[in-house]
Amino acid sequence: MIRLIACDMDGSLLDDRKRMPPEFFEILPRLKKKGISFVVASGRSYVTLQQNFSPVSEQIDYICDNGAYVLHSGAPAVNTLSHGLLRSLIRACSELQDIQLILCGARASYMKAFTDEFNVEIGSYYINRRFVDDLSTVDDDIFKVAIYDANHPETHTHPYLTERFGSQLSLQISGPYWMDVMSKGINKGAALEKIQNKLGITPEETMAFGDSYNDIELLGRARFSFVMENSNEDMRRYGNFVAASNNDKGVIRAIEEYALSQ
């Protein structure tokens, strides 16, 4: 019996135009009535996700910033990066070409001034933005560094940073041009495990949806693990099921079939 649903946003619940399926707001009260909890698990920040799920934002739990910021029953849990590691990471990234860093902190998301085109690109992900000249001078508790890599992180930034920080930090590819850096051991799956333990819910009672490499640990915490049809082919091995694509409302259709019909 499914008692908990954990769902990625981009490439999973949202379509390619970043639109929320309107059916979600009809499904949520039906899930509540059946005693099924819903948690969004995303690389997006809490401020952004809270806006995405308005007006039902108080009715769900949040795994934000790939697990670095978790909000369960209104109580936040944050895992910050050490200042020394953060400074070392910023210095290492300065040696790479065509990348941009965003420091995700308690008070805001910090970044250098970008082109107008790039500001539009990140606008849906980072609402509370502050522009700074020198990222190393930011005075805030930083729990994630998002890296935009125009040369693709899978072959460029990720191997470079893994060689230098792989034993100290969690480095996760979150999209074709994005990767995230958090404290060691931080990921969506570890965050979901904490919520499962607090609710007394097992992986056998959990349903999860994901499409990218930063969803692997999340899928591993669910018996009803759905990889989206639009994901890379090599992602299929991490799920027990395949959901229809994000543009075909695959999440909604699977919830109807497996959770609401039980």
C-alpha atoms as a PDB file:
ATOM      1  CA  MET A   1       0.000   0.000   0.000  1.00  0.00           C
ATOM      2  CA  ILE A   2       1.396   3.407  -0.994  1.00  0.00           C
ATOM      3  CA  ARG A   3       1.562   5.907   1.882  1.00  0.00           C
ATOM      4  CA  LEU A   4       4.105   8.426   0.565  1.00  0.00           C
ATOM      5  CA  ILE A   5       4.851   9.932  -2.854  1.00  0.00           C
ATOM      6  CA  ALA A   6       8.121  11.754  -3.570  1.00  0.00           C
ATOM      7  CA  CYS A   7       8.371  13.578  -6.890  1.00  0.00           C
ATOM      8  CA  ASP A   8      11.027  15.454  -8.818  1.00  0.00           C
ATOM      9  CA  MET A   9       9.977  18.672 -10.576  1.00  0.00           C
ATOM     10  CA  ASP A  10      11.892  19.479 -13.780  1.00  0.00           C
ATOM     11  CA  GLY A  11      11.561  16.701 -16.317  1.00  0.00           C
ATOM     12  CA  SER A  12       9.097  14.818 -14.114  1.00  0.00           C
ATOM     13  CA  LEU A  13       6.079  16.692 -12.726  1.00  0.00           C
ATOM     14  CA  LEU A  14       6.633  19.797 -14.886  1.00  0.00           C
ATOM     15  CA  ASP A  15       6.415  19.655 -18.673  1.00  0.00           C
ATOM     16  CA  ASP A  16       9.168  21.026 -20.910  1.00  0.00           C
ATOM     17  CA  ARG A  17       7.624  24.499 -20.687  1.00  0.00           C
ATOM     18  CA  LYS A  18       7.967  24.329 -16.876  1.00  0.00           C
ATOM     19  CA  ARG A  19       4.212  24.171 -16.376  1.00  0.00           C
ATOM     20  CA  MET A  20       2.561  22.423 -13.442  1.00  0.00           C
ATOM     21  CA  PRO A  21      -0.191  20.008 -14.544  1.00  0.00           C
ATOM     22  CA  PRO A  22      -3.466  21.525 -13.303  1.00  0.00           C
ATOM     23  CA  GLU A  23      -4.655  18.021 -12.378  1.00  0.00           C
ATOM     24  CA  PHE A  24      -2.157  18.005  -9.501  1.00  0.00           C
ATOM     25  CA  PHE A  25      -4.281  20.438  -7.507  1.00  0.00           C
ATOM     26  CA  GLU A  26      -7.270  18.138  -7.942  1.00  0.00           C
ATOM     27  CA  ILE A  27      -5.279  15.035  -6.994  1.00  0.00           C
ATOM     28  CA  LEU A  28      -3.660  16.380  -3.797  1.00  0.00           C
ATOM     29  CA  PRO A  29      -6.870  16.443  -1.683  1.00  0.00           C
ATOM     30  CA  ARG A  30      -7.687  12.945  -2.901  1.00  0.00           C
ATOM     31  CA  LEU A  31      -4.264  11.769  -1.743  1.00  0.00           C
ATOM     32  CA  LYS A  32      -4.795  13.442   1.626  1.00  0.00           C
ATOM     33  CA  LYS A  33      -8.139  11.735   2.001  1.00  0.00           C
ATOM     34  CA  LYS A  34      -6.462   8.354   1.475  1.00  0.00           C
ATOM     35  CA  GLY A  35      -3.734   9.203   3.993  1.00  0.00           C
ATOM     36  CA  ILE A  36      -0.991   9.520   1.366  1.00  0.00           C
ATOM     37  CA  SER A  37       1.652  12.189   1.996  1.00  0.00           C
ATOM     38  CA  PHE A  38       3.283  14.122  -0.844  1.00  0.00           C
ATOM     39  CA  VAL A  39       6.820  15.479  -0.856  1.00  0.00           C
ATOM     40  CA  VAL A  40       8.399  17.421  -3.698  1.00  0.00           C
ATOM     41  CA  ALA A  41      12.073  16.540  -4.236  1.00  0.00           C
ATOM     42  CA  SER A  42      13.859  19.108  -6.363  1.00  0.00           C
ATOM     43  CA  GLY A  43      17.053  20.991  -7.007  1.00  0.00           C
ATOM     44  CA  ARG A  44      14.996  24.165  -6.779  1.00  0.00           C
ATOM     45  CA  SER A  45      15.063  26.391  -3.694  1.00  0.00           C
ATOM     46  CA  TYR A  46      12.332  26.406  -1.057  1.00  0.00           C
ATOM     47  CA  VAL A  47      11.243  29.944  -1.947  1.00  0.00           C
ATOM     48  CA  THR A  48      10.767  28.903  -5.577  1.00  0.00           C
ATOM     49  CA  LEU A  49       8.974  25.650  -4.754  1.00  0.00           C
ATOM     50  CA  GLN A  50       6.667  27.378  -2.304  1.00  0.00           C
ATOM     51  CA  GLN A  51       5.573  29.657  -5.138  1.00  0.00           C
ATOM     52  CA  ASN A  52       5.271  26.729  -7.573  1.00  0.00           C
ATOM     53  CA  PHE A  53       2.820  24.938  -5.263  1.00  0.00           C
ATOM     54  CA  SER A  54       0.748  27.936  -4.220  1.00  0.00           C
ATOM     55  CA  PRO A  55      -2.012  27.798  -2.977  1.00  0.00           C
ATOM     56  CA  VAL A  56      -1.391  24.314  -1.488  1.00  0.00           C
ATOM     57  CA  SER A  57       2.218  24.966  -0.425  1.00  0.00           C
ATOM     58  CA  GLU A  58       1.431  24.378   3.257  1.00  0.00           C
ATOM     59  CA  GLN A  59      -0.006  20.927   2.563  1.00  0.00           C
ATOM     60  CA  ILE A  60       3.154  19.188   1.350  1.00  0.00           C
ATOM     61  CA  ASP A  61       6.711  18.504   2.496  1.00  0.00           C
ATOM     62  CA  TYR A  62       9.844  19.707   0.713  1.00  0.00           C
ATOM     63  CA  ILE A  63      13.201  18.269  -0.267  1.00  0.00           C
ATOM     64  CA  CYS A  64      14.883  21.345  -1.734  1.00  0.00           C
ATOM     65  CA  ASP A  65      18.301  22.000  -3.246  1.00  0.00           C
ATOM     66  CA  ASN A  66      18.794  18.275  -3.876  1.00  0.00           C
ATOM     67  CA  GLY A  67      18.424  17.454  -0.193  1.00  0.00           C
ATOM     68  CA  ALA A  68      20.475  20.248   1.360  1.00  0.00           C
ATOM     69  CA  TYR A  69      17.312  21.967   2.635  1.00  0.00           C
ATOM     70  CA  VAL A  70      14.423  19.841   3.917  1.00  0.00           C
ATOM     71  CA  LEU A  71      11.110  21.043   5.316  1.00  0.00           C
ATOM     72  CA  HIS A  72       8.916  18.460   7.060  1.00  0.00           C
ATOM     73  CA  SER A  73       5.737  19.495   8.876  1.00  0.00           C
ATOM     74  CA  GLY A  74       6.926  23.099   8.683  1.00  0.00           C
ATOM     75  CA  ALA A  75      10.249  22.395  10.428  1.00  0.00           C
ATOM     76  CA  PRO A  76      13.394  23.066   8.329  1.00  0.00           C
ATOM     77  CA  ALA A  77      16.627  21.065   8.413  1.00  0.00           C
ATOM     78  CA  VAL A  78      19.652  22.550   6.652  1.00  0.00           C
ATOM     79  CA  ASN A  79      23.091  21.099   5.885  1.00  0.00           C
ATOM     80  CA  THR A  80      25.564  23.902   5.249  1.00  0.00           C
ATOM     81  CA  LEU A  81      28.898  23.742   3.456  1.00  0.00           C
ATOM     82  CA  SER A  82      32.006  24.486   5.513  1.00  0.00           C
ATOM     83  CA  HIS A  83      33.474  27.902   4.745  1.00  0.00           C
ATOM     84  CA  GLY A  84      36.885  26.409   3.984  1.00  0.00           C
ATOM     85  CA  LEU A  85      35.543  23.891   1.474  1.00  0.00           C
ATOM     86  CA  LEU A  86      33.328  26.531  -0.116  1.00  0.00           C
ATOM     87  CA  ARG A  87      36.274  28.876  -0.682  1.00  0.00           C
ATOM     88  CA  SER A  88      38.343  26.021  -2.126  1.00  0.00           C
ATOM     89  CA  LEU A  89      35.495  25.081  -4.450  1.00  0.00           C
ATOM     90  CA  ILE A  90      35.097  28.665  -5.688  1.00  0.00           C
ATOM     91  CA  ARG A  91      38.852  28.882  -6.383  1.00  0.00           C
ATOM     92  CA  ALA A  92      38.832  25.576  -8.271  1.00  0.00           C
ATOM     93  CA  CYS A  93      35.868  26.640 -10.394  1.00  0.00           C
ATOM     94  CA  SER A  94      37.616  29.888 -11.336  1.00  0.00           C
ATOM     95  CA  GLU A  95      40.068  27.752 -13.333  1.00  0.00           C
ATOM     96  CA  LEU A  96      37.301  26.460 -15.614  1.00  0.00           C
ATOM     97  CA  GLN A  97      35.895  28.164 -18.694  1.00  0.00           C
ATOM     98  CA  ASP A  98      32.249  28.854 -19.538  1.00  0.00           C
ATOM     99  CA  ILE A  99      30.761  28.072 -16.130  1.00  0.00           C
ATOM    100  CA  GLN A 100      28.636  30.124 -13.752  1.00  0.00           C
ATOM    101  CA  LEU A 101      28.204  29.585 -10.010  1.00  0.00           C
ATOM    102  CA  ILE A 102      25.153  30.220  -7.869  1.00  0.00           C
ATOM    103  CA  LEU A 103      25.567  30.046  -4.087  1.00  0.00           C
ATOM    104  CA  CYS A 104      22.315  28.953  -2.440  1.00  0.00           C
ATOM    105  CA  GLY A 105      22.072  30.355   1.060  1.00  0.00           C
ATOM    106  CA  ALA A 106      19.737  30.894   3.976  1.00  0.00           C
ATOM    107  CA  ARG A 107      18.943  34.486   3.034  1.00  0.00           C
ATOM    108  CA  ALA A 108      19.277  34.478  -0.768  1.00  0.00           C
ATOM    109  CA  SER A 109      20.899  32.949  -3.853  1.00  0.00           C
ATOM    110  CA  TYR A 110      24.117  34.738  -4.768  1.00  0.00           C
ATOM    111  CA  MET A 111      25.615  35.071  -8.232  1.00  0.00           C
ATOM    112  CA  LYS A 112      27.663  37.339 -10.418  1.00  0.00           C
ATOM    113  CA  ALA A 113      25.862  39.500 -12.967  1.00  0.00           C
ATOM    114  CA  PHE A 114      24.898  37.397 -15.992  1.00  0.00           C
ATOM    115  CA  THR A 115      23.578  38.227 -19.427  1.00  0.00           C
ATOM    116  CA  ASP A 116      19.895  39.095 -19.685  1.00  0.00           C
ATOM    117  CA  GLU A 117      19.305  35.842 -21.547  1.00  0.00           C
ATOM    118  CA  PHE A 118      20.803  33.780 -18.740  1.00  0.00           C
ATOM    119  CA  ASN A 119      18.863  35.717 -16.119  1.00  0.00           C
ATOM    120  CA  VAL A 120      15.660  34.665 -17.903  1.00  0.00           C
ATOM    121  CA  GLU A 121      16.903  31.043 -17.939  1.00  0.00           C
ATOM    122  CA  ILE A 122      17.433  30.910 -14.168  1.00  0.00           C
ATOM    123  CA  GLY A 123      14.479  33.105 -13.271  1.00  0.00           C
ATOM    124  CA  SER A 124      12.137  30.150 -12.725  1.00  0.00           C
ATOM    125  CA  TYR A 125      14.659  28.415 -10.464  1.00  0.00           C
ATOM    126  CA  TYR A 126      16.060  31.207  -8.316  1.00  0.00           C
ATOM    127  CA  ILE A 127      13.594  33.916  -7.320  1.00  0.00           C
ATOM    128  CA  ASN A 128      15.433  35.563  -4.415  1.00  0.00           C
ATOM    129  CA  ARG A 129      18.625  36.585  -6.239  1.00  0.00           C
ATOM    130  CA  ARG A 130      21.451  38.861  -5.163  1.00  0.00           C
ATOM    131  CA  PHE A 131      24.258  39.894  -7.506  1.00  0.00           C
ATOM    132  CA  VAL A 132      27.787  40.228  -6.129  1.00  0.00           C
ATOM    133  CA  ASP A 133      31.187  41.007  -7.631  1.00  0.00           C
ATOM    134  CA  ASP A 134      33.105  38.417  -5.609  1.00  0.00           C
ATOM    135  CA  LEU A 135      31.414  35.173  -4.506  1.00  0.00           C
ATOM    136  CA  SER A 136      34.106  34.525  -1.909  1.00  0.00           C
ATOM    137  CA  THR A 137      32.901  37.551   0.075  1.00  0.00           C
ATOM    138  CA  VAL A 138      29.318  36.293   0.543  1.00  0.00           C
ATOM    139  CA  ASP A 139      28.389  36.288   4.230  1.00  0.00           C
ATOM    140  CA  ASP A 140      25.636  33.697   4.555  1.00  0.00           C
ATOM    141  CA  ASP A 141      25.170  30.016   5.386  1.00  0.00           C
ATOM    142  CA  ILE A 142      25.556  28.301   2.009  1.00  0.00           C
ATOM    143  CA  PHE A 143      24.084  24.818   1.630  1.00  0.00           C
ATOM    144  CA  LYS A 144      24.420  24.273  -2.120  1.00  0.00           C
ATOM    145  CA  VAL A 145      26.474  25.522  -5.059  1.00  0.00           C
ATOM    146  CA  ALA A 146      24.702  25.228  -8.404  1.00  0.00           C
ATOM    147  CA  ILE A 147      27.012  25.198 -11.411  1.00  0.00           C
ATOM    148  CA  TYR A 148      25.934  26.009 -14.947  1.00  0.00           C
ATOM    149  CA  ASP A 149      28.353  24.489 -17.454  1.00  0.00           C
ATOM    150  CA  ALA A 150      27.910  25.433 -21.122  1.00  0.00           C
ATOM    151  CA  ASN A 151      30.273  22.563 -22.042  1.00  0.00           C
ATOM    152  CA  HIS A 152      28.151  19.980 -20.181  1.00  0.00           C
ATOM    153  CA  PRO A 153      29.105  18.963 -16.623  1.00  0.00           C
ATOM    154  CA  GLU A 154      29.118  15.224 -17.373  1.00  0.00           C
ATOM    155  CA  THR A 155      32.338  15.532 -19.371  1.00  0.00           C
ATOM    156  CA  HIS A 156      33.716  18.851 -18.131  1.00  0.00           C
ATOM    157  CA  THR A 157      33.032  20.143 -14.609  1.00  0.00           C
ATOM    158  CA  HIS A 158      31.953  16.929 -12.879  1.00  0.00           C
ATOM    159  CA  PRO A 159      35.114  14.847 -13.508  1.00  0.00           C
ATOM    160  CA  TYR A 160      37.316  17.858 -12.757  1.00  0.00           C
ATOM    161  CA  LEU A 161      35.671  18.541  -9.393  1.00  0.00           C
ATOM    162  CA  THR A 162      35.260  14.866  -8.522  1.00  0.00           C
ATOM    163  CA  GLU A 163      39.034  14.397  -8.750  1.00  0.00           C
ATOM    164  CA  ARG A 164      39.581  17.287  -6.325  1.00  0.00           C
ATOM    165  CA  PHE A 165      36.587  17.084  -3.991  1.00  0.00           C
ATOM    166  CA  GLY A 166      34.990  13.676  -4.498  1.00  0.00           C
ATOM    167  CA  SER A 167      35.947  12.472  -1.020  1.00  0.00           C
ATOM    168  CA  GLN A 168      34.718  15.656   0.683  1.00  0.00           C
ATOM    169  CA  LEU A 169      31.620  16.795  -1.181  1.00  0.00           C
ATOM    170  CA  SER A 170      28.509  15.422  -2.864  1.00  0.00           C
ATOM    171  CA  LEU A 171      28.625  16.286  -6.586  1.00  0.00           C
ATOM    172  CA  GLN A 172      25.482  15.561  -8.578  1.00  0.00           C
ATOM    173  CA  ILE A 173      24.614  16.167 -12.227  1.00  0.00           C
ATOM    174  CA  SER A 174      21.107  17.623 -12.273  1.00  0.00           C
ATOM    175  CA  GLY A 175      20.604  18.378 -15.979  1.00  0.00           C
ATOM    176  CA  PRO A 176      22.347  18.689 -19.369  1.00  0.00           C
ATOM    177  CA  TYR A 177      24.019  21.950 -18.275  1.00  0.00           C
ATOM    178  CA  TRP A 178      23.721  21.835 -14.495  1.00  0.00           C
ATOM    179  CA  MET A 179      25.360  20.171 -11.535  1.00  0.00           C
ATOM    180  CA  ASP A 180      25.009  20.737  -7.786  1.00  0.00           C
ATOM    181  CA  VAL A 181      27.558  20.560  -4.988  1.00  0.00           C
ATOM    182  CA  MET A 182      26.522  19.869  -1.391  1.00  0.00           C
ATOM    183  CA  SER A 183      28.041  18.501   1.804  1.00  0.00           C
ATOM    184  CA  LYS A 184      29.120  14.862   1.664  1.00  0.00           C
ATOM    185  CA  GLY A 185      26.216  12.429   1.996  1.00  0.00           C
ATOM    186  CA  ILE A 186      23.574  14.960   0.998  1.00  0.00           C
ATOM    187  CA  ASN A 187      21.170  13.889  -1.747  1.00  0.00           C
ATOM    188  CA  LYS A 188      17.446  13.512  -2.333  1.00  0.00           C
ATOM    189  CA  GLY A 189      17.432   9.884  -1.195  1.00  0.00           C
ATOM    190  CA  ALA A 190      19.075  10.620   2.159  1.00  0.00           C
ATOM    191  CA  ALA A 191      16.541  13.396   2.736  1.00  0.00           C
ATOM    192  CA  LEU A 192      13.631  11.125   1.812  1.00  0.00           C
ATOM    193  CA  GLU A 193      14.898   8.472   4.236  1.00  0.00           C
ATOM    194  CA  LYS A 194      14.710  10.982   7.094  1.00  0.00           C
ATOM    195  CA  ILE A 195      11.116  11.859   6.210  1.00  0.00           C
ATOM    196  CA  GLN A 196      10.214   8.177   5.899  1.00  0.00           C
ATOM    197  CA  ASN A 197      11.650   7.502   9.353  1.00  0.00           C
ATOM    198  CA  LYS A 198       9.742  10.390  10.912  1.00  0.00           C
ATOM    199  CA  LEU A 199       6.483   9.199   9.368  1.00  0.00           C
ATOM    200  CA  GLY A 200       7.122   5.512  10.047  1.00  0.00           C
ATOM    201  CA  ILE A 201       6.848   4.725   6.335  1.00  0.00           C
ATOM    202  CA  THR A 202       8.953   2.083   4.589  1.00  0.00           C
ATOM    203  CA  PRO A 203      10.394   2.104   1.054  1.00  0.00           C
ATOM    204  CA  GLU A 204       7.834  -0.630   0.230  1.00  0.00           C
ATOM    205  CA  GLU A 205       5.110   1.949   0.958  1.00  0.00           C
ATOM    206  CA  THR A 206       6.778   4.704  -1.073  1.00  0.00           C
ATOM    207  CA  MET A 207       6.308   5.896  -4.646  1.00  0.00           C
ATOM    208  CA  ALA A 208       8.953   8.088  -6.313  1.00  0.00           C
ATOM    209  CA  PHE A 209       9.440   9.814  -9.672  1.00  0.00           C
ATOM    210  CA  GLY A 210      12.634  11.062 -11.294  1.00  0.00           C
ATOM    211  CA  ASP A 211      14.337  11.629 -14.634  1.00  0.00           C
ATOM    212  CA  SER A 212      17.949  12.576 -13.984  1.00  0.00           C
ATOM    213  CA  TYR A 213      21.085  11.412 -12.194  1.00  0.00           C
ATOM    214  CA  ASN A 214      20.353  13.478  -9.080  1.00  0.00           C
ATOM    215  CA  ASP A 215      17.204  11.347  -8.652  1.00  0.00           C
ATOM    216  CA  ILE A 216      19.021   8.003  -8.418  1.00  0.00           C
ATOM    217  CA  GLU A 217      19.143   7.879  -4.605  1.00  0.00           C
ATOM    218  CA  LEU A 218      15.540   9.073  -4.401  1.00  0.00           C
ATOM    219  CA  LEU A 219      14.367   6.230  -6.631  1.00  0.00           C
ATOM    220  CA  GLY A 220      16.385   3.807  -4.530  1.00  0.00           C
ATOM    221  CA  ARG A 221      14.217   4.621  -1.494  1.00  0.00           C
ATOM    222  CA  ALA A 222      10.959   3.512  -3.148  1.00  0.00           C
ATOM    223  CA  ARG A 223       9.488   0.152  -4.149  1.00  0.00           C
ATOM    224  CA  PHE A 224       7.258   2.001  -6.628  1.00  0.00           C
ATOM    225  CA  SER A 225      10.133   3.834  -8.339  1.00  0.00           C
ATOM    226  CA  PHE A 226       9.217   5.430 -11.675  1.00  0.00           C
ATOM    227  CA  VAL A 227      11.775   6.656 -14.186  1.00  0.00           C
ATOM    228  CA  MET A 228      10.250   9.088 -16.651  1.00  0.00           C
ATOM    229  CA  GLU A 229      10.001   8.004 -20.289  1.00  0.00           C
ATOM    230  CA  ASN A 230      11.772  11.225 -21.310  1.00  0.00           C
ATOM    231  CA  SER A 231      14.878  10.397 -19.229  1.00  0.00           C
ATOM    232  CA  ASN A 232      18.182   9.187 -20.631  1.00  0.00           C
ATOM    233  CA  GLU A 233      18.129   5.486 -21.501  1.00  0.00           C
ATOM    234  CA  ASP A 234      20.767   4.676 -18.878  1.00  0.00           C
ATOM    235  CA  MET A 235      18.427   5.950 -16.143  1.00  0.00           C
ATOM    236  CA  ARG A 236      15.944   3.098 -16.725  1.00  0.00           C
ATOM    237  CA  ARG A 237      17.931   0.653 -14.574  1.00  0.00           C
ATOM    238  CA  TYR A 238      17.315   2.777 -11.481  1.00  0.00           C
ATOM    239  CA  GLY A 239      13.534   2.377 -11.515  1.00  0.00           C
ATOM    240  CA  ASN A 240      11.151  -0.548 -11.180  1.00  0.00           C
ATOM    241  CA  PHE A 241       8.636   1.141 -13.504  1.00  0.00           C
ATOM    242  CA  VAL A 242       8.595   3.623 -16.388  1.00  0.00           C
ATOM    243  CA  ALA A 243       6.131   6.525 -16.313  1.00  0.00           C
ATOM    244  CA  ALA A 244       4.869   8.298 -19.427  1.00  0.00           C
ATOM    245  CA  SER A 245       6.840  11.422 -20.331  1.00  0.00           C
ATOM    246  CA  ASN A 246       6.580  14.687 -18.433  1.00  0.00           C
ATOM    247  CA  ASN A 247       4.814  16.204 -21.462  1.00  0.00           C
ATOM    248  CA  ASP A 248       2.191  13.450 -21.288  1.00  0.00           C
ATOM    249  CA  LYS A 249       1.469  13.954 -17.567  1.00  0.00           C
ATOM    250  CA  GLY A 250       3.221  10.721 -16.670  1.00  0.00           C
ATOM    251  CA  VAL A 251       3.321  11.479 -12.933  1.00  0.00           C
ATOM    252  CA  ILE A 252      -0.408  12.219 -12.764  1.00  0.00           C
ATOM    253  CA  ARG A 253      -1.277   9.105 -14.753  1.00  0.00           C
ATOM    254  CA  ALA A 254       0.872   6.826 -12.572  1.00  0.00           C
ATOM    255  CA  ILE A 255      -0.545   8.283  -9.346  1.00  0.00           C
ATOM    256  CA  GLU A 256      -4.062   7.685 -10.615  1.00  0.00           C
ATOM    257  CA  GLU A 257      -3.274   4.095 -11.589  1.00  0.00           C
ATOM    258  CA  TYR A 258      -1.118   2.948  -8.688  1.00  0.00           C
ATOM    259  CA  ALA A 259      -1.934   5.154  -5.690  1.00  0.00           C
ATOM    260  CA  LEU A 260      -5.489   6.421  -6.016  1.00  0.00           C
ATOM    261  CA  SER A 261      -6.889   3.139  -7.318  1.00  0.00           C
ATOM    262  CA  GLN A 262      -5.497   1.060  -4.429  1.00  0.00           C
END
